[in-house]
Amino acid sequence: MTGPGPAAGLNALDQFAATLDALDAHLTAAGTAMRRSEHNRLSLLHLHAAAAAVVAPLFASIGQAGMQGPSWTIIRHIPAAPYSLAVLLGVGGVILGVATWFRHRSAEMVGLGLLLAWYVIIAGSFGGAVLLWLADGSPPGPRPPAYPAGVYAHLAVIMAVHLRTLWRMRRPR
């Protein structure tokens, strides 16, 4: 047993009442922490949804002419890029935002899955451009930077963590 022993001068009924009071205080604090955690999680999902909805048209605005540097070596070969990728991101963001607002977990998972797909495609494409450049013997001229692959890969991991959390919440215990 941890903590102090029975308080001096209290009978068994008073000790039991004190234990129940302490349990009530603990459960109240745990409930408050749980509600705060849920609020923070939902706020993050809304932030991801809003960011996707804003970034999608910005990504589309790059246009095919804007994808000429060495970083875009792989993305240029994706059909209708950057527009198809912008649609993937934008639709995922809209689905995630609406589903989170209405607390529809399955639809939240669909939205997160689309965002995860977008981040994996972008990270893989930028990382692949670096690998192709290295495999080509590091030719002179501009080289693709490695950091975008890391940025998008870590965002993909964040989407995967959100998906895992939702998956675990939907399973009965």
C-alpha atoms as a PDB file:
ATOM      1  CA  MET A   1       0.000   0.000   0.000  1.00  0.00           C
ATOM      2  CA  THR A   2       1.335   3.425  -0.878  1.00  0.00           C
ATOM      3  CA  GLY A   3       0.730   6.705   0.881  1.00  0.00           C
ATOM      4  CA  PRO A   4      -0.058   7.324   4.503  1.00  0.00           C
ATOM      5  CA  GLY A   5      -1.839   4.719   6.539  1.00  0.00           C
ATOM      6  CA  PRO A   6      -5.237   5.214   8.151  1.00  0.00           C
ATOM      7  CA  ALA A   7      -5.622   8.651   9.625  1.00  0.00           C
ATOM      8  CA  ALA A   8      -5.354   8.719  13.378  1.00  0.00           C
ATOM      9  CA  GLY A   9      -8.675   9.087  15.100  1.00  0.00           C
ATOM     10  CA  LEU A  10     -10.868   8.109  12.138  1.00  0.00           C
ATOM     11  CA  ASN A  11     -13.196   5.181  12.437  1.00  0.00           C
ATOM     12  CA  ALA A  12     -13.590   2.694   9.580  1.00  0.00           C
ATOM     13  CA  LEU A  13     -16.614   4.469   8.105  1.00  0.00           C
ATOM     14  CA  ASP A  14     -14.815   7.830   8.042  1.00  0.00           C
ATOM     15  CA  GLN A  15     -11.769   6.176   6.451  1.00  0.00           C
ATOM     16  CA  PHE A  16     -13.991   4.603   3.792  1.00  0.00           C
ATOM     17  CA  ALA A  17     -15.659   7.974   3.092  1.00  0.00           C
ATOM     18  CA  ALA A  18     -12.222   9.622   2.749  1.00  0.00           C
ATOM     19  CA  THR A  19     -11.145   6.884   0.308  1.00  0.00           C
ATOM     20  CA  LEU A  20     -14.292   7.419  -1.766  1.00  0.00           C
ATOM     21  CA  ASP A  21     -13.711  11.195  -1.764  1.00  0.00           C
ATOM     22  CA  ALA A  22     -10.149  10.651  -2.997  1.00  0.00           C
ATOM     23  CA  LEU A  23     -11.414   8.272  -5.691  1.00  0.00           C
ATOM     24  CA  ASP A  24     -14.016  10.820  -6.784  1.00  0.00           C
ATOM     25  CA  ALA A  25     -11.347  13.535  -7.054  1.00  0.00           C
ATOM     26  CA  HIS A  26      -9.107  11.197  -9.068  1.00  0.00           C
ATOM     27  CA  LEU A  27     -11.923  10.225 -11.458  1.00  0.00           C
ATOM     28  CA  THR A  28     -12.907  13.877 -11.932  1.00  0.00           C
ATOM     29  CA  ALA A  29      -9.310  14.786 -12.807  1.00  0.00           C
ATOM     30  CA  ALA A  30      -9.030  11.801 -15.179  1.00  0.00           C
ATOM     31  CA  GLY A  31     -12.282  12.786 -16.917  1.00  0.00           C
ATOM     32  CA  THR A  32     -11.070  16.351 -17.354  1.00  0.00           C
ATOM     33  CA  ALA A  33      -7.761  15.144 -18.805  1.00  0.00           C
ATOM     34  CA  MET A  34      -9.590  12.788 -21.170  1.00  0.00           C
ATOM     35  CA  ARG A  35     -11.891  15.555 -22.448  1.00  0.00           C
ATOM     36  CA  ARG A  36      -8.894  17.875 -22.947  1.00  0.00           C
ATOM     37  CA  SER A  37      -7.027  15.168 -24.846  1.00  0.00           C
ATOM     38  CA  GLU A  38     -10.032  14.488 -27.103  1.00  0.00           C
ATOM     39  CA  HIS A  39     -10.455  18.218 -27.753  1.00  0.00           C
ATOM     40  CA  ASN A  40      -6.769  18.538 -28.681  1.00  0.00           C
ATOM     41  CA  ARG A  41      -6.966  15.508 -31.001  1.00  0.00           C
ATOM     42  CA  LEU A  42     -10.019  16.904 -32.784  1.00  0.00           C
ATOM     43  CA  SER A  43      -8.344  20.303 -33.086  1.00  0.00           C
ATOM     44  CA  LEU A  44      -5.337  18.660 -34.745  1.00  0.00           C
ATOM     45  CA  LEU A  45      -7.581  16.811 -37.198  1.00  0.00           C
ATOM     46  CA  HIS A  46      -9.334  20.063 -38.089  1.00  0.00           C
ATOM     47  CA  LEU A  47      -5.950  21.732 -38.543  1.00  0.00           C
ATOM     48  CA  HIS A  48      -4.801  18.955 -40.917  1.00  0.00           C
ATOM     49  CA  ALA A  49      -8.077  19.229 -42.833  1.00  0.00           C
ATOM     50  CA  ALA A  50      -7.844  23.013 -43.167  1.00  0.00           C
ATOM     51  CA  ALA A  51      -4.183  22.852 -44.195  1.00  0.00           C
ATOM     52  CA  ALA A  52      -4.988  20.281 -46.887  1.00  0.00           C
ATOM     53  CA  ALA A  53      -7.854  22.407 -48.209  1.00  0.00           C
ATOM     54  CA  VAL A  54      -5.563  25.458 -48.410  1.00  0.00           C
ATOM     55  CA  VAL A  55      -2.465  23.676 -49.748  1.00  0.00           C
ATOM     56  CA  ALA A  56      -4.333  21.747 -52.476  1.00  0.00           C
ATOM     57  CA  PRO A  57      -5.057  24.761 -54.719  1.00  0.00           C
ATOM     58  CA  LEU A  58      -1.588  26.154 -53.988  1.00  0.00           C
ATOM     59  CA  PHE A  59      -0.086  22.861 -55.127  1.00  0.00           C
ATOM     60  CA  ALA A  60      -2.231  22.908 -58.265  1.00  0.00           C
ATOM     61  CA  SER A  61      -1.082  26.459 -58.979  1.00  0.00           C
ATOM     62  CA  ILE A  62       2.457  25.155 -59.521  1.00  0.00           C
ATOM     63  CA  GLY A  63       1.233  23.901 -62.865  1.00  0.00           C
ATOM     64  CA  GLN A  64       3.181  21.568 -65.085  1.00  0.00           C
ATOM     65  CA  ALA A  65       5.528  24.371 -66.068  1.00  0.00           C
ATOM     66  CA  GLY A  66       6.492  24.831 -62.430  1.00  0.00           C
ATOM     67  CA  MET A  67       7.619  21.222 -62.096  1.00  0.00           C
ATOM     68  CA  GLN A  68      10.808  21.545 -64.128  1.00  0.00           C
ATOM     69  CA  GLY A  69      13.501  21.355 -61.452  1.00  0.00           C
ATOM     70  CA  PRO A  70      15.320  18.149 -60.492  1.00  0.00           C
ATOM     71  CA  SER A  71      13.100  17.619 -57.423  1.00  0.00           C
ATOM     72  CA  TRP A  72      10.129  17.027 -59.705  1.00  0.00           C
ATOM     73  CA  THR A  73      11.735  14.218 -61.750  1.00  0.00           C
ATOM     74  CA  ILE A  74       9.278  11.567 -60.561  1.00  0.00           C
ATOM     75  CA  ILE A  75       6.203  13.703 -59.896  1.00  0.00           C
ATOM     76  CA  ARG A  76       6.236  14.879 -63.534  1.00  0.00           C
ATOM     77  CA  HIS A  77       5.406  11.290 -64.549  1.00  0.00           C
ATOM     78  CA  ILE A  78       2.288  11.050 -62.389  1.00  0.00           C
ATOM     79  CA  PRO A  79      -0.747  11.404 -64.681  1.00  0.00           C
ATOM     80  CA  ALA A  80      -2.192  14.935 -64.664  1.00  0.00           C
ATOM     81  CA  ALA A  81       0.227  16.095 -61.964  1.00  0.00           C
ATOM     82  CA  PRO A  82       0.093  18.448 -60.139  1.00  0.00           C
ATOM     83  CA  TYR A  83      -3.678  18.695 -60.584  1.00  0.00           C
ATOM     84  CA  SER A  84      -4.451  15.050 -59.797  1.00  0.00           C
ATOM     85  CA  LEU A  85      -2.363  15.265 -56.651  1.00  0.00           C
ATOM     86  CA  ALA A  86      -4.054  18.520 -55.632  1.00  0.00           C
ATOM     87  CA  VAL A  87      -7.456  16.853 -56.001  1.00  0.00           C
ATOM     88  CA  LEU A  88      -6.304  13.929 -53.846  1.00  0.00           C
ATOM     89  CA  LEU A  89      -5.131  16.316 -51.126  1.00  0.00           C
ATOM     90  CA  GLY A  90      -8.133  18.642 -51.343  1.00  0.00           C
ATOM     91  CA  VAL A  91     -10.737  15.875 -51.301  1.00  0.00           C
ATOM     92  CA  GLY A  92      -8.969  14.227 -48.364  1.00  0.00           C
ATOM     93  CA  GLY A  93      -8.975  17.519 -46.464  1.00  0.00           C
ATOM     94  CA  VAL A  94     -12.655  18.187 -47.112  1.00  0.00           C
ATOM     95  CA  ILE A  95     -13.660  14.649 -46.110  1.00  0.00           C
ATOM     96  CA  LEU A  96     -11.543  14.845 -42.960  1.00  0.00           C
ATOM     97  CA  GLY A  97     -12.909  18.248 -41.976  1.00  0.00           C
ATOM     98  CA  VAL A  98     -16.574  17.353 -42.466  1.00  0.00           C
ATOM     99  CA  ALA A  99     -16.200  13.913 -40.882  1.00  0.00           C
ATOM    100  CA  THR A 100     -14.403  15.355 -37.858  1.00  0.00           C
ATOM    101  CA  TRP A 101     -17.057  18.036 -37.454  1.00  0.00           C
ATOM    102  CA  PHE A 102     -19.807  15.400 -37.433  1.00  0.00           C
ATOM    103  CA  ARG A 103     -17.670  12.843 -35.528  1.00  0.00           C
ATOM    104  CA  HIS A 104     -17.973  10.124 -38.171  1.00  0.00           C
ATOM    105  CA  ARG A 105     -14.880   8.043 -37.434  1.00  0.00           C
ATOM    106  CA  SER A 106     -15.007   5.835 -40.538  1.00  0.00           C
ATOM    107  CA  ALA A 107     -15.134   8.873 -42.803  1.00  0.00           C
ATOM    108  CA  GLU A 108     -12.353  10.505 -40.751  1.00  0.00           C
ATOM    109  CA  MET A 109     -10.262   7.441 -41.532  1.00  0.00           C
ATOM    110  CA  VAL A 110     -11.012   7.819 -45.262  1.00  0.00           C
ATOM    111  CA  GLY A 111      -9.933  11.483 -45.176  1.00  0.00           C
ATOM    112  CA  LEU A 112      -6.781  10.648 -43.231  1.00  0.00           C
ATOM    113  CA  GLY A 113      -6.073   7.784 -45.638  1.00  0.00           C
ATOM    114  CA  LEU A 114      -6.207  10.174 -48.599  1.00  0.00           C
ATOM    115  CA  LEU A 115      -3.891  12.620 -46.828  1.00  0.00           C
ATOM    116  CA  LEU A 116      -1.563   9.754 -45.936  1.00  0.00           C
ATOM    117  CA  ALA A 117      -1.527   8.636 -49.584  1.00  0.00           C
ATOM    118  CA  TRP A 118      -0.704  12.182 -50.712  1.00  0.00           C
ATOM    119  CA  TYR A 119       2.147  12.567 -48.212  1.00  0.00           C
ATOM    120  CA  VAL A 120       3.602   9.154 -49.101  1.00  0.00           C
ATOM    121  CA  ILE A 121       3.439   9.918 -52.841  1.00  0.00           C
ATOM    122  CA  ILE A 122       5.063  13.323 -52.391  1.00  0.00           C
ATOM    123  CA  ALA A 123       7.739  12.068 -49.962  1.00  0.00           C
ATOM    124  CA  GLY A 124       8.494   9.075 -52.189  1.00  0.00           C
ATOM    125  CA  SER A 125       8.666  11.235 -55.290  1.00  0.00           C
ATOM    126  CA  PHE A 126      11.005  13.798 -53.772  1.00  0.00           C
ATOM    127  CA  GLY A 127      13.118  11.081 -52.138  1.00  0.00           C
ATOM    128  CA  GLY A 128      13.141   9.105 -55.371  1.00  0.00           C
ATOM    129  CA  ALA A 129      14.403  12.162 -57.260  1.00  0.00           C
ATOM    130  CA  VAL A 130      17.375  12.344 -54.895  1.00  0.00           C
ATOM    131  CA  LEU A 131      18.082   8.624 -55.340  1.00  0.00           C
ATOM    132  CA  LEU A 132      17.885   8.911 -59.134  1.00  0.00           C
ATOM    133  CA  TRP A 133      20.260  11.871 -59.052  1.00  0.00           C
ATOM    134  CA  LEU A 134      22.711   9.891 -56.906  1.00  0.00           C
ATOM    135  CA  ALA A 135      22.354   6.798 -59.135  1.00  0.00           C
ATOM    136  CA  ASP A 136      23.163   8.989 -62.123  1.00  0.00           C
ATOM    137  CA  GLY A 137      26.534   9.758 -60.562  1.00  0.00           C
ATOM    138  CA  SER A 138      25.584  13.142 -59.064  1.00  0.00           C
ATOM    139  CA  PRO A 139      25.749  15.048 -62.356  1.00  0.00           C
ATOM    140  CA  PRO A 140      26.767  18.698 -62.315  1.00  0.00           C
ATOM    141  CA  GLY A 141      24.035  21.281 -62.131  1.00  0.00           C
ATOM    142  CA  PRO A 142      21.165  21.628 -59.738  1.00  0.00           C
ATOM    143  CA  ARG A 143      20.600  18.714 -57.432  1.00  0.00           C
ATOM    144  CA  PRO A 144      17.328  17.821 -55.754  1.00  0.00           C
ATOM    145  CA  PRO A 145      17.351  18.596 -52.036  1.00  0.00           C
ATOM    146  CA  ALA A 146      16.665  15.757 -49.626  1.00  0.00           C
ATOM    147  CA  TYR A 147      14.805  17.751 -46.993  1.00  0.00           C
ATOM    148  CA  PRO A 148      11.355  17.830 -48.718  1.00  0.00           C
ATOM    149  CA  ALA A 149      11.234  14.037 -48.574  1.00  0.00           C
ATOM    150  CA  GLY A 150      11.873  14.202 -44.841  1.00  0.00           C
ATOM    151  CA  VAL A 151       9.248  16.889 -44.280  1.00  0.00           C
ATOM    152  CA  TYR A 152       6.545  14.975 -46.141  1.00  0.00           C
ATOM    153  CA  ALA A 153       7.606  11.606 -44.694  1.00  0.00           C
ATOM    154  CA  HIS A 154       7.186  12.894 -41.153  1.00  0.00           C
ATOM    155  CA  LEU A 155       3.740  14.252 -42.048  1.00  0.00           C
ATOM    156  CA  ALA A 156       2.866  10.815 -43.446  1.00  0.00           C
ATOM    157  CA  VAL A 157       3.882   9.293 -40.116  1.00  0.00           C
ATOM    158  CA  ILE A 158       1.643  11.773 -38.289  1.00  0.00           C
ATOM    159  CA  MET A 159      -1.315  10.770 -40.506  1.00  0.00           C
ATOM    160  CA  ALA A 160      -0.558   7.108 -39.799  1.00  0.00           C
ATOM    161  CA  VAL A 161      -0.545   7.796 -36.054  1.00  0.00           C
ATOM    162  CA  HIS A 162      -3.934   9.540 -36.323  1.00  0.00           C
ATOM    163  CA  LEU A 163      -5.266   6.594 -38.336  1.00  0.00           C
ATOM    164  CA  ARG A 164      -3.993   4.115 -35.762  1.00  0.00           C
ATOM    165  CA  THR A 165      -5.614   6.122 -32.976  1.00  0.00           C
ATOM    166  CA  LEU A 166      -8.956   6.143 -34.785  1.00  0.00           C
ATOM    167  CA  TRP A 167      -8.670   2.448 -35.556  1.00  0.00           C
ATOM    168  CA  ARG A 168      -8.049   1.634 -31.894  1.00  0.00           C
ATOM    169  CA  MET A 169     -10.960   3.852 -30.813  1.00  0.00           C
ATOM    170  CA  ARG A 170     -13.374   2.050 -33.102  1.00  0.00           C
ATOM    171  CA  ARG A 171     -12.510  -1.463 -31.901  1.00  0.00           C
ATOM    172  CA  PRO A 172     -14.448  -2.760 -28.916  1.00  0.00           C
ATOM    173  CA  ARG A 173     -12.330  -3.496 -25.892  1.00  0.00           C
END
